[in-house]
PDB file of N, CA and C in Angstrom:
ATOM      1  N   MET A   1       1.227  -8.395  26.261  1.00  0.00           N
ATOM      2  CA  MET A   1       0.660  -9.286  25.264  1.00  0.00           C
ATOM      3  C   MET A   1       0.954  -8.718  23.871  1.00  0.00           C
ATOM      4  N   ALA A   2       1.545  -9.528  23.039  1.00  0.00           N
ATOM      5  CA  ALA A   2       1.882  -9.093  21.681  1.00  0.00           C
ATOM      6  C   ALA A   2       0.668  -9.251  20.762  1.00  0.00           C
ATOM      7  N   PHE A   3       0.549  -8.338  19.840  1.00  0.00           N
ATOM      8  CA  PHE A   3      -0.523  -8.412  18.862  1.00  0.00           C
ATOM      9  C   PHE A   3      -0.122  -9.371  17.752  1.00  0.00           C
ATOM     10  N   ALA A   4      -1.106 -10.062  17.183  1.00  0.00           N
ATOM     11  CA  ALA A   4      -0.829 -11.043  16.124  1.00  0.00           C
ATOM     12  C   ALA A   4      -0.229 -10.378  14.896  1.00  0.00           C
ATOM     13  N   TRP A   5      -0.707  -9.170  14.542  1.00  0.00           N
ATOM     14  CA  TRP A   5      -0.179  -8.494  13.355  1.00  0.00           C
ATOM     15  C   TRP A   5       1.277  -8.099  13.562  1.00  0.00           C
ATOM     16  N   LYS A   6       1.626  -7.765  14.799  1.00  0.00           N
ATOM     17  CA  LYS A   6       3.007  -7.399  15.096  1.00  0.00           C
ATOM     18  C   LYS A   6       3.902  -8.638  15.045  1.00  0.00           C
ATOM     19  N   ALA A   7       3.410  -9.736  15.602  1.00  0.00           N
ATOM     20  CA  ALA A   7       4.166 -10.985  15.594  1.00  0.00           C
ATOM     21  C   ALA A   7       4.383 -11.490  14.169  1.00  0.00           C
ATOM     22  N   ALA A   8       3.440 -11.169  13.271  1.00  0.00           N
ATOM     23  CA  ALA A   8       3.552 -11.591  11.865  1.00  0.00           C
ATOM     24  C   ALA A   8       4.476 -10.668  11.062  1.00  0.00           C
ATOM     25  N   GLY A   9       4.952  -9.602  11.692  1.00  0.00           N
ATOM     26  CA  GLY A   9       5.872  -8.699  11.004  1.00  0.00           C
ATOM     27  C   GLY A   9       5.181  -7.634  10.164  1.00  0.00           C
ATOM     28  N   LEU A  10       3.906  -7.375  10.441  1.00  0.00           N
ATOM     29  CA  LEU A  10       3.164  -6.355   9.702  1.00  0.00           C
ATOM     30  C   LEU A  10       3.145  -5.048  10.476  1.00  0.00           C
ATOM     31  N   THR A  11       3.077  -3.951   9.745  1.00  0.00           N
ATOM     32  CA  THR A  11       2.827  -2.670  10.395  1.00  0.00           C
ATOM     33  C   THR A  11       1.321  -2.576  10.634  1.00  0.00           C
ATOM     34  N   TYR A  12       0.934  -1.672  11.507  1.00  0.00           N
ATOM     35  CA  TYR A  12      -0.490  -1.516  11.791  1.00  0.00           C
ATOM     36  C   TYR A  12      -1.251  -1.077  10.546  1.00  0.00           C
ATOM     37  N   ASN A  13      -0.660  -0.168   9.759  1.00  0.00           N
ATOM     38  CA  ASN A  13      -1.320   0.292   8.527  1.00  0.00           C
ATOM     39  C   ASN A  13      -1.502  -0.856   7.548  1.00  0.00           C
ATOM     40  N   ARG A  14      -0.502  -1.714   7.409  1.00  0.00           N
ATOM     41  CA  ARG A  14      -0.605  -2.847   6.485  1.00  0.00           C
ATOM     42  C   ARG A  14      -1.676  -3.819   6.984  1.00  0.00           C
ATOM     43  N   TYR A  15      -1.713  -4.047   8.302  1.00  0.00           N
ATOM     44  CA  TYR A  15      -2.729  -4.904   8.898  1.00  0.00           C
ATOM     45  C   TYR A  15      -4.131  -4.379   8.595  1.00  0.00           C
ATOM     46  N   LEU A  16      -4.322  -3.074   8.752  1.00  0.00           N
ATOM     47  CA  LEU A  16      -5.625  -2.481   8.452  1.00  0.00           C
ATOM     48  C   LEU A  16      -5.984  -2.615   6.978  1.00  0.00           C
ATOM     49  N   ALA A  17      -5.010  -2.450   6.098  1.00  0.00           N
ATOM     50  CA  ALA A  17      -5.259  -2.578   4.666  1.00  0.00           C
ATOM     51  C   ALA A  17      -5.700  -4.001   4.320  1.00  0.00           C
ATOM     52  N   VAL A  18      -5.033  -4.986   4.898  1.00  0.00           N
ATOM     53  CA  VAL A  18      -5.390  -6.389   4.635  1.00  0.00           C
ATOM     54  C   VAL A  18      -6.779  -6.694   5.190  1.00  0.00           C
ATOM     55  N   ALA A  19      -7.037  -6.265   6.417  1.00  0.00           N
ATOM     56  CA  ALA A  19      -8.338  -6.515   7.036  1.00  0.00           C
ATOM     57  C   ALA A  19      -9.466  -5.836   6.253  1.00  0.00           C
ATOM     58  N   SER A  20      -9.227  -4.617   5.786  1.00  0.00           N
ATOM     59  CA  SER A  20     -10.237  -3.896   5.013  1.00  0.00           C
ATOM     60  C   SER A  20     -10.543  -4.613   3.705  1.00  0.00           C
ATOM     61  N   ARG A  21      -9.487  -5.087   3.050  1.00  0.00           N
ATOM     62  CA  ARG A  21      -9.669  -5.802   1.780  1.00  0.00           C
ATOM     63  C   ARG A  21     -10.478  -7.082   1.989  1.00  0.00           C
ATOM     64  N   VAL A  22     -10.202  -7.792   3.080  1.00  0.00           N
ATOM     65  CA  VAL A  22     -10.932  -9.033   3.371  1.00  0.00           C
ATOM     66  C   VAL A  22     -12.408  -8.736   3.600  1.00  0.00           C
ATOM     67  N   VAL A  23     -12.695  -7.695   4.363  1.00  0.00           N
ATOM     68  CA  VAL A  23     -14.094  -7.334   4.629  1.00  0.00           C
ATOM     69  C   VAL A  23     -14.793  -6.929   3.345  1.00  0.00           C
ATOM     70  N   ARG A  24     -14.145  -6.091   2.512  1.00  0.00           N
ATOM     71  CA  ARG A  24     -14.768  -5.657   1.263  1.00  0.00           C
ATOM     72  C   ARG A  24     -15.050  -6.839   0.349  1.00  0.00           C
ATOM     73  N   ARG A  25     -14.139  -7.788   0.277  1.00  0.00           N
ATOM     74  CA  ARG A  25     -14.334  -8.944  -0.606  1.00  0.00           C
ATOM     75  C   ARG A  25     -15.409  -9.892  -0.104  1.00  0.00           C
ATOM     76  N   SER A  26     -15.758  -9.815   1.173  1.00  0.00           N
ATOM     77  CA  SER A  26     -16.767 -10.718   1.730  1.00  0.00           C
ATOM     78  C   SER A  26     -18.196 -10.195   1.531  1.00  0.00           C
ATOM     79  N   LEU A  27     -18.340  -8.964   1.070  1.00  0.00           N
ATOM     80  CA  LEU A  27     -19.665  -8.371   0.883  1.00  0.00           C
ATOM     81  C   LEU A  27     -20.339  -8.896  -0.377  1.00  0.00           C
ATOM     82  N   LYS A  28     -21.671  -8.762  -0.413  1.00  0.00           N
ATOM     83  CA  LYS A  28     -22.408  -9.103  -1.627  1.00  0.00           C
ATOM     84  C   LYS A  28     -22.038  -8.120  -2.725  1.00  0.00           C
ATOM     85  N   ASP A  29     -22.246  -8.530  -3.977  1.00  0.00           N
ATOM     86  CA  ASP A  29     -21.745  -7.783  -5.131  1.00  0.00           C
ATOM     87  C   ASP A  29     -22.083  -6.295  -5.130  1.00  0.00           C
ATOM     88  N   ASP A  30     -23.333  -5.940  -4.900  1.00  0.00           N
ATOM     89  CA  ASP A  30     -23.719  -4.529  -4.986  1.00  0.00           C
ATOM     90  C   ASP A  30     -22.992  -3.677  -3.939  1.00  0.00           C
ATOM     91  N   LYS A  31     -22.921  -4.152  -2.724  1.00  0.00           N
ATOM     92  CA  LYS A  31     -22.241  -3.408  -1.664  1.00  0.00           C
ATOM     93  C   LYS A  31     -20.727  -3.502  -1.806  1.00  0.00           C
ATOM     94  N   ARG A  32     -20.227  -4.627  -2.331  1.00  0.00           N
ATOM     95  CA  ARG A  32     -18.788  -4.819  -2.512  1.00  0.00           C
ATOM     96  C   ARG A  32     -18.222  -3.805  -3.495  1.00  0.00           C
ATOM     97  N   ILE A  33     -18.919  -3.592  -4.601  1.00  0.00           N
ATOM     98  CA  ILE A  33     -18.447  -2.655  -5.623  1.00  0.00           C
ATOM     99  C   ILE A  33     -18.356  -1.239  -5.055  1.00  0.00           C
ATOM    100  N   ALA A  34     -19.380  -0.830  -4.319  1.00  0.00           N
ATOM    101  CA  ALA A  34     -19.365   0.506  -3.714  1.00  0.00           C
ATOM    102  C   ALA A  34     -18.244   0.626  -2.682  1.00  0.00           C
ATOM    103  N   ALA A  35     -18.029  -0.417  -1.879  1.00  0.00           N
ATOM    104  CA  ALA A  35     -16.977  -0.393  -0.857  1.00  0.00           C
ATOM    105  C   ALA A  35     -15.591  -0.381  -1.487  1.00  0.00           C
ATOM    106  N   GLU A  36     -15.409  -1.122  -2.578  1.00  0.00           N
ATOM    107  CA  GLU A  36     -14.108  -1.148  -3.244  1.00  0.00           C
ATOM    108  C   GLU A  36     -13.759   0.217  -3.827  1.00  0.00           C
ATOM    109  N   ARG A  37     -14.761   0.924  -4.333  1.00  0.00           N
ATOM    110  CA  ARG A  37     -14.511   2.270  -4.856  1.00  0.00           C
ATOM    111  C   ARG A  37     -14.059   3.210  -3.742  1.00  0.00           C
ATOM    112  N   ARG A  38     -14.676   3.077  -2.571  1.00  0.00           N
ATOM    113  CA  ARG A  38     -14.278   3.916  -1.437  1.00  0.00           C
ATOM    114  C   ARG A  38     -12.878   3.562  -0.957  1.00  0.00           C
ATOM    115  N   GLY A  39     -12.476   2.311  -1.130  1.00  0.00           N
ATOM    116  CA  GLY A  39     -11.178   1.856  -0.659  1.00  0.00           C
ATOM    117  C   GLY A  39     -10.019   2.273  -1.536  1.00  0.00           C
ATOM    118  N   GLU A  40     -10.310   2.693  -2.754  1.00  0.00           N
ATOM    119  CA  GLU A  40      -9.243   3.122  -3.661  1.00  0.00           C
ATOM    120  C   GLU A  40      -8.748   4.506  -3.268  1.00  0.00           C
ATOM    121  N   MET A  41      -7.462   4.689  -3.382  1.00  0.00           N
ATOM    122  CA  MET A  41      -6.928   6.020  -3.128  1.00  0.00           C
ATOM    123  C   MET A  41      -5.792   6.277  -4.096  1.00  0.00           C
ATOM    124  N   GLU A  42      -5.632   7.508  -4.393  1.00  0.00           N
ATOM    125  CA  GLU A  42      -4.565   7.875  -5.299  1.00  0.00           C
ATOM    126  C   GLU A  42      -3.777   9.016  -4.672  1.00  0.00           C
ATOM    127  N   LEU A  43      -2.670   8.654  -4.097  1.00  0.00           N
ATOM    128  CA  LEU A  43      -1.799   9.651  -3.492  1.00  0.00           C
ATOM    129  C   LEU A  43      -0.616   9.883  -4.420  1.00  0.00           C
ATOM    130  N   ARG A  44      -0.200  11.100  -4.492  1.00  0.00           N
ATOM    131  CA  ARG A  44       0.943  11.447  -5.332  1.00  0.00           C
ATOM    132  C   ARG A  44       1.956  12.198  -4.487  1.00  0.00           C
ATOM    133  N   PHE A  45       3.206  12.112  -4.905  1.00  0.00           N
ATOM    134  CA  PHE A  45       4.261  12.842  -4.228  1.00  0.00           C
ATOM    135  C   PHE A  45       5.266  13.326  -5.258  1.00  0.00           C
ATOM    136  N   ALA A  46       6.068  14.269  -4.858  1.00  0.00           N
ATOM    137  CA  ALA A  46       7.137  14.783  -5.714  1.00  0.00           C
ATOM    138  C   ALA A  46       8.359  15.036  -4.840  1.00  0.00           C
ATOM    139  N   LYS A  47       9.503  14.714  -5.368  1.00  0.00           N
ATOM    140  CA  LYS A  47      10.753  14.965  -4.668  1.00  0.00           C
ATOM    141  C   LYS A  47      11.228  16.373  -5.026  1.00  0.00           C
ATOM    142  N   TRP A  48      11.607  17.134  -4.024  1.00  0.00           N
ATOM    143  CA  TRP A  48      12.086  18.488  -4.235  1.00  0.00           C
ATOM    144  C   TRP A  48      13.605  18.510  -4.118  1.00  0.00           C
ATOM    145  N   GLU A  49      14.263  19.122  -5.088  1.00  0.00           N
ATOM    146  CA  GLU A  49      15.715  19.271  -5.063  1.00  0.00           C
ATOM    147  C   GLU A  49      16.077  20.690  -5.483  1.00  0.00           C
ATOM    148  N   ASN A  50      16.918  21.322  -4.705  1.00  0.00           N
ATOM    149  CA  ASN A  50      17.372  22.690  -4.987  1.00  0.00           C
ATOM    150  C   ASN A  50      16.209  23.661  -5.183  1.00  0.00           C
ATOM    151  N   GLY A  51      15.148  23.496  -4.392  1.00  0.00           N
ATOM    152  CA  GLY A  51      14.012  24.400  -4.452  1.00  0.00           C
ATOM    153  C   GLY A  51      13.087  24.189  -5.631  1.00  0.00           C
ATOM    154  N   LYS A  52      13.277  23.093  -6.385  1.00  0.00           N
ATOM    155  CA  LYS A  52      12.417  22.828  -7.540  1.00  0.00           C
ATOM    156  C   LYS A  52      11.715  21.477  -7.361  1.00  0.00           C
ATOM    157  N   GLN A  53      10.446  21.487  -7.720  1.00  0.00           N
ATOM    158  CA  GLN A  53       9.656  20.272  -7.606  1.00  0.00           C
ATOM    159  C   GLN A  53       9.979  19.326  -8.749  1.00  0.00           C
ATOM    160  N   GLY A  54      10.196  18.054  -8.400  1.00  0.00           N
ATOM    161  CA  GLY A  54      10.445  17.037  -9.414  1.00  0.00           C
ATOM    162  C   GLY A  54       9.147  16.486  -9.968  1.00  0.00           C
ATOM    163  N   GLU A  55       9.249  15.400 -10.673  1.00  0.00           N
ATOM    164  CA  GLU A  55       8.087  14.767 -11.316  1.00  0.00           C
ATOM    165  C   GLU A  55       7.125  14.212 -10.269  1.00  0.00           C
ATOM    166  N   MET A  56       5.828  14.405 -10.507  1.00  0.00           N
ATOM    167  CA  MET A  56       4.797  13.852  -9.628  1.00  0.00           C
ATOM    168  C   MET A  56       4.692  12.354  -9.899  1.00  0.00           C
ATOM    169  N   LYS A  57       4.689  11.555  -8.810  1.00  0.00           N
ATOM    170  CA  LYS A  57       4.603  10.104  -8.943  1.00  0.00           C
ATOM    171  C   LYS A  57       3.482   9.573  -8.072  1.00  0.00           C
ATOM    172  N   ASN A  58       2.875   8.492  -8.503  1.00  0.00           N
ATOM    173  CA  ASN A  58       1.838   7.812  -7.746  1.00  0.00           C
ATOM    174  C   ASN A  58       2.513   7.026  -6.631  1.00  0.00           C
ATOM    175  N   VAL A  59       2.039   7.157  -5.394  1.00  0.00           N
ATOM    176  CA  VAL A  59       2.653   6.484  -4.252  1.00  0.00           C
ATOM    177  C   VAL A  59       2.592   4.969  -4.407  1.00  0.00           C
ATOM    178  N   ALA A  60       1.454   4.428  -4.832  1.00  0.00           N
ATOM    179  CA  ALA A  60       1.314   2.976  -4.958  1.00  0.00           C
ATOM    180  C   ALA A  60       2.293   2.422  -5.992  1.00  0.00           C
ATOM    181  N   SER A  61       2.426   3.083  -7.133  1.00  0.00           N
ATOM    182  CA  SER A  61       3.349   2.633  -8.179  1.00  0.00           C
ATOM    183  C   SER A  61       4.793   2.727  -7.713  1.00  0.00           C
ATOM    184  N   ALA A  62       5.137   3.817  -7.049  1.00  0.00           N
ATOM    185  CA  ALA A  62       6.498   3.998  -6.555  1.00  0.00           C
ATOM    186  C   ALA A  62       6.821   2.954  -5.487  1.00  0.00           C
ATOM    187  N   ASN A  63       5.849   2.629  -4.649  1.00  0.00           N
ATOM    188  CA  ASN A  63       6.045   1.631  -3.606  1.00  0.00           C
ATOM    189  C   ASN A  63       6.271   0.251  -4.223  1.00  0.00           C
ATOM    190  N   GLU A  64       5.478  -0.116  -5.217  1.00  0.00           N
ATOM    191  CA  GLU A  64       5.647  -1.407  -5.883  1.00  0.00           C
ATOM    192  C   GLU A  64       7.010  -1.497  -6.560  1.00  0.00           C
ATOM    193  N   ALA A  65       7.437  -0.425  -7.203  1.00  0.00           N
ATOM    194  CA  ALA A  65       8.740  -0.416  -7.866  1.00  0.00           C
ATOM    195  C   ALA A  65       9.866  -0.551  -6.850  1.00  0.00           C
ATOM    196  N   ALA A  66       9.748   0.131  -5.718  1.00  0.00           N
ATOM    197  CA  ALA A  66      10.776   0.057  -4.680  1.00  0.00           C
ATOM    198  C   ALA A  66      10.841  -1.342  -4.076  1.00  0.00           C
ATOM    199  N   MET A  67       9.685  -1.969  -3.881  1.00  0.00           N
ATOM    200  CA  MET A  67       9.659  -3.326  -3.334  1.00  0.00           C
ATOM    201  C   MET A  67      10.265  -4.322  -4.320  1.00  0.00           C
ATOM    202  N   ALA A  68       9.977  -4.162  -5.592  1.00  0.00           N
ATOM    203  CA  ALA A  68      10.545  -5.054  -6.606  1.00  0.00           C
ATOM    204  C   ALA A  68      12.060  -4.881  -6.676  1.00  0.00           C
ATOM    205  N   GLU A  69      12.516  -3.632  -6.594  1.00  0.00           N
ATOM    206  CA  GLU A  69      13.956  -3.373  -6.634  1.00  0.00           C
ATOM    207  C   GLU A  69      14.645  -3.962  -5.405  1.00  0.00           C
ATOM    208  N   ALA A  70      14.025  -3.820  -4.237  1.00  0.00           N
ATOM    209  CA  ALA A  70      14.597  -4.367  -3.007  1.00  0.00           C
ATOM    210  C   ALA A  70      14.663  -5.890  -3.070  1.00  0.00           C
ATOM    211  N   ALA A  71      13.627  -6.503  -3.636  1.00  0.00           N
ATOM    212  CA  ALA A  71      13.598  -7.966  -3.762  1.00  0.00           C
ATOM    213  C   ALA A  71      14.684  -8.449  -4.714  1.00  0.00           C
ATOM    214  N   SER A  72      14.922  -7.711  -5.788  1.00  0.00           N
ATOM    215  CA  SER A  72      15.947  -8.115  -6.741  1.00  0.00           C
ATOM    216  C   SER A  72      17.347  -7.957  -6.142  1.00  0.00           C
ATOM    217  N   HIS A  73      17.547  -6.906  -5.331  1.00  0.00           N
ATOM    218  CA  HIS A  73      18.842  -6.712  -4.672  1.00  0.00           C
ATOM    219  C   HIS A  73      19.055  -7.759  -3.580  1.00  0.00           C
ATOM    220  N   GLN A  74      17.983  -8.133  -2.898  1.00  0.00           N
ATOM    221  CA  GLN A  74      18.073  -9.122  -1.830  1.00  0.00           C
ATOM    222  C   GLN A  74      18.375 -10.501  -2.405  1.00  0.00           C
ATOM    223  N   GLY A  75      17.794 -10.811  -3.539  1.00  0.00           N
ATOM    224  CA  GLY A  75      18.020 -12.102  -4.181  1.00  0.00           C
ATOM    225  C   GLY A  75      19.421 -12.257  -4.734  1.00  0.00           C
ATOM    226  N   SER A  76      20.054 -11.147  -5.108  1.00  0.00           N
ATOM    227  CA  SER A  76      21.401 -11.217  -5.693  1.00  0.00           C
ATOM    228  C   SER A  76      22.496 -11.179  -4.635  1.00  0.00           C
ATOM    229  N   SER A  77      22.142 -10.890  -3.376  1.00  0.00           N
ATOM    230  CA  SER A  77      23.144 -10.815  -2.296  1.00  0.00           C
ATOM    231  C   SER A  77      23.473 -12.155  -1.726  1.00  0.00           C
TER     232      SER A  77
END
């Protein structure tokens, strides 16, 4: 039996992120605000080259930029 999230082309992590956001948005204001704060995360990464650490980047920002770049390349092909 195939899972609906898999059939929709989502990864399990993306499915969980969407489901979590839906649940948080359905809460009453006081609990929603607290839940949204817990849902925020700030991950950073750095690319290492020749034994030296590169610039630290926010994962969410880098992911959005990569998706936008991929969409622009896909549209021009």
